[in-house]
Amino acid sequence: MRRRRVAGFTLAEVVLSIFLLAVVVVVFGALYPTSQRLGGNTKWRATALLLAERRMEAIKLLGYGNLTYDGLRAYGLIDASPNTSPFSFTNTDSAQNESPARLLPQGTGEIVVEDVAWDVKRVTVRVRWQGANNRSQAVELRTLVTNL
C-alpha cells in the first residue's frame, strides 16, 4: 500500500519562514528611525538652500550700489540690526522673503558683504539651523558683484 502525501508545509518549514520574517521585520524596524531622521535632514537642507538662493538672487538684482545697510534694508532683505556686515535676515518681516526663524528649527541667516577689489564686492549668504541630535547645520552661497 502506498502512502499518499498530503499537500501542505511541514512544521519545520513554517517555523523557518516565521523566523526569517521576524528577522526582516526587525531589520526594517531598526532602519526606519534612521531613514526618518535622514529624510528630515534632507528637508531642512533643501529649505535652507532655497532660502539662501532666493536671498542671493534678490541681492544680485539689487546691484552693487545697494549692497549697504540702507539698500538691503529698503528692500526688506535684512533685519533692522545689526547695521554693519554681517547683516542678519533671521526675522525679516517681508512677505516675499521667508524668514529662517519661521521655516527652520532655530534657523538664522546672515549676509556678509566684503570689498574684494576696486568696484568688486564678495557677498556671502549663510543659513544655519539646528539639525538632528542638536547638530548645527549650515548652507553657504557666495558670489562676486561688480560695479558696471
Protein backbone atom coordinates (compact mmCIF):
# COMPACT_ATOMS: atom_id res chain seq x y z
CA MET A 1 0.00 0.00 0.00
CA ARG A 2 1.31 3.40 -0.94
CA ARG A 3 1.20 6.39 1.37
CA ARG A 4 -0.35 9.46 -0.07
CA ARG A 5 1.47 12.67 0.60
CA VAL A 6 -0.81 15.39 1.87
CA ALA A 7 -0.26 18.81 0.32
CA GLY A 8 1.00 21.45 2.76
CA PHE A 9 4.04 22.61 4.71
CA THR A 10 5.90 20.77 7.43
CA LEU A 11 6.27 22.24 10.89
CA ALA A 12 9.97 22.91 10.25
CA GLU A 13 9.20 24.92 7.11
CA VAL A 14 6.61 27.02 8.92
CA VAL A 15 8.95 27.75 11.86
CA LEU A 16 11.81 28.67 9.49
CA SER A 17 9.61 31.05 7.46
CA ILE A 18 8.31 32.75 10.62
CA PHE A 19 11.90 33.18 11.85
CA LEU A 20 13.02 34.73 8.54
CA LEU A 21 10.03 37.05 8.53
CA ALA A 22 10.83 38.15 12.09
CA VAL A 23 14.46 38.90 11.12
CA VAL A 24 13.31 41.03 8.16
CA VAL A 25 10.81 42.93 10.33
CA VAL A 26 13.47 43.64 13.00
CA VAL A 27 15.99 44.89 10.40
CA PHE A 28 13.48 47.20 8.73
CA GLY A 29 12.20 48.34 12.12
CA ALA A 30 15.73 49.32 13.12
CA LEU A 31 16.32 51.22 9.86
CA TYR A 32 13.03 53.16 9.92
CA PRO A 33 14.04 55.79 12.54
CA THR A 34 17.32 56.38 10.73
CA SER A 35 15.55 56.91 7.42
CA GLN A 36 13.09 59.31 9.05
CA ARG A 37 15.93 61.32 10.59
CA LEU A 38 17.84 61.47 7.30
CA GLY A 39 14.66 62.47 5.48
CA GLY A 40 14.14 65.30 7.95
CA ASN A 41 17.73 66.48 7.49
CA THR A 42 17.25 66.50 3.73
CA LYS A 43 14.06 68.53 4.09
CA TRP A 44 15.76 71.15 6.29
CA ARG A 45 18.81 71.33 3.99
CA ALA A 46 16.58 71.85 0.94
CA THR A 47 14.64 74.58 2.75
CA ALA A 48 17.83 76.33 3.86
CA LEU A 49 19.29 76.15 0.35
CA LEU A 50 16.09 77.58 -1.10
CA LEU A 51 16.18 80.48 1.39
CA ALA A 52 19.84 81.20 0.60
CA GLU A 53 19.29 81.01 -3.17
CA ARG A 54 16.31 83.37 -3.06
CA ARG A 55 18.22 85.86 -0.93
CA MET A 56 21.26 85.66 -3.23
CA GLU A 57 19.16 86.20 -6.36
CA ALA A 58 17.49 89.24 -4.77
CA ILE A 59 20.90 90.67 -3.89
CA LYS A 60 22.16 90.17 -7.46
CA LEU A 61 19.13 92.04 -8.77
CA LEU A 62 19.78 94.97 -6.41
CA GLY A 63 23.25 95.52 -7.81
CA TYR A 64 26.50 96.90 -6.47
CA GLY A 65 25.13 100.25 -5.35
CA ASN A 66 22.61 98.76 -2.94
CA LEU A 67 24.98 96.46 -1.06
CA THR A 68 24.78 98.68 2.00
CA TYR A 69 22.71 98.52 5.15
CA ASP A 70 20.28 101.14 3.82
CA GLY A 71 19.96 99.47 0.41
CA LEU A 72 19.42 95.96 1.75
CA ARG A 73 17.05 97.20 4.46
CA ALA A 74 15.00 99.25 1.99
CA TYR A 75 14.24 96.09 0.01
CA GLY A 76 13.40 94.08 3.14
CA LEU A 77 16.32 91.69 2.76
CA ILE A 78 17.80 92.14 6.24
CA ASP A 79 16.71 92.70 9.83
CA ALA A 80 16.95 96.12 11.49
CA SER A 81 20.10 95.16 13.38
CA PRO A 82 23.00 94.81 13.14
CA ASN A 83 23.57 97.73 10.80
CA THR A 84 27.05 96.61 9.73
CA SER A 85 28.20 93.49 7.90
CA PRO A 86 27.45 90.68 8.67
CA PHE A 87 23.79 91.57 8.33
CA SER A 88 21.09 89.32 9.81
CA PHE A 89 17.99 88.13 7.98
CA THR A 90 16.69 85.78 10.66
CA ASN A 91 13.37 87.53 11.28
CA THR A 92 12.70 89.65 8.21
CA ASP A 93 9.10 90.76 8.03
CA SER A 94 8.79 90.98 4.27
CA ALA A 95 6.16 88.54 2.99
CA GLN A 96 8.19 87.98 -0.16
CA ASN A 97 11.30 86.90 1.76
CA GLU A 98 10.73 83.95 4.02
CA SER A 99 12.28 84.01 7.47
CA PRO A 100 14.72 81.26 8.52
CA ALA A 101 13.38 81.54 12.07
CA ARG A 102 9.90 80.53 10.86
CA LEU A 103 10.92 77.81 8.39
CA LEU A 104 13.86 76.07 10.10
CA PRO A 105 14.42 74.73 13.62
CA GLN A 106 16.36 77.52 15.36
CA GLY A 107 17.09 78.98 11.92
CA THR A 108 19.26 82.03 11.40
CA GLY A 109 20.52 83.81 8.33
CA GLU A 110 23.27 86.29 7.61
CA ILE A 111 24.64 88.24 4.69
CA VAL A 112 28.30 89.22 4.63
CA VAL A 113 29.41 91.96 2.21
CA GLU A 114 33.18 92.39 1.75
CA ASP A 115 35.24 94.62 -0.50
CA VAL A 116 37.50 92.36 -2.56
CA ALA A 117 38.94 94.79 -5.06
CA TRP A 118 38.18 98.15 -6.57
CA ASP A 119 34.50 98.01 -7.63
CA VAL A 120 34.17 94.33 -6.63
CA LYS A 121 32.33 93.02 -3.57
CA ARG A 122 32.02 89.46 -2.33
CA VAL A 123 28.60 88.57 -0.98
CA THR A 124 28.15 85.52 1.24
CA VAL A 125 24.69 84.29 2.21
CA ARG A 126 24.70 81.81 5.09
CA VAL A 127 21.72 79.97 6.59
CA ARG A 128 22.12 77.95 9.80
CA TRP A 129 19.75 75.68 11.69
CA GLN A 130 19.71 73.03 14.38
CA GLY A 131 19.67 69.58 12.79
CA ALA A 132 19.23 66.09 14.18
CA ASN A 133 20.93 65.35 17.51
CA ASN A 134 21.24 69.14 18.10
CA ARG A 135 23.98 69.44 15.49
CA SER A 136 24.43 72.81 13.90
CA GLN A 137 23.95 72.66 10.11
CA ALA A 138 24.59 75.36 7.52
CA VAL A 139 24.50 76.17 3.83
CA GLU A 140 26.56 78.97 2.34
CA LEU A 141 26.47 80.66 -1.06
CA ARG A 142 28.99 83.18 -2.39
CA THR A 143 29.12 85.46 -5.37
CA LEU A 144 31.02 88.48 -6.64
CA VAL A 145 29.14 91.66 -7.53
CA THR A 146 30.84 94.29 -9.67
CA ASN A 147 30.10 97.95 -10.30
CA LEU A 148 29.34 98.11 -14.02
